[in-house]
């Protein structure tokens, strides 16, 4: 089976909350994923394993260290300063599979996304974050509601968007903030370690009566 390389870019009943708690940690080599390396290896779903790629550059490692040190400090400041924040998260589907990413400074699988800049619309922010984090250009996203929650030590209003693709294009991870990405089947989602935001998104879909992708 041919392997393709991705060039490195710049990163009482069953309630909805009870069903959301089904999602905890498991990995399956038979999935599409991008390795957390400078080269970023794209492995086809039919492959039964992966191959090692070059290590991240020194600059990439420096950025990762800065994220890992700075993020906990930022969370403390946000909590003390009672910061309010607007963010976006994008659920990218290829058939029934959901694209998840792993950040260098956070535990659990996450959705691509980030903050909304001043003067920026949530839709524009979502498209920008897709491009910056994983090199995915999206001309149109479907709004999927918003959620107000306490997240990362601050009051956060998160705008969700969905993007459905026939085929996943080549991804270019920034390799600093986002270090890994993978398409995950609905069955795998039930046992993966997910961030609070992803669990909230999935629970919201269930609470609204949206069918799980099949």
Foldseek 3Di string as FASTA:
>chain_A
DDWDWFAADQAVPCALLNQLVLFAADDAQLWFKFALANTTTTDHNVDRHDDDDHHHDPVLVVLLVCCQVVLLVVLVVCQVVQDEFEKEFEWEAQQLWTKWFDFSRDPFTGGQMTGADPPGDRFRRSQVSQCQAWNDHDPDWAWDDWDFDCPSNHTYIYTYTYHYDNDDDRIHGSSRTTRMMIIGHPVNRSHHGHDPVVSVSSSVCVVVVNDRGD
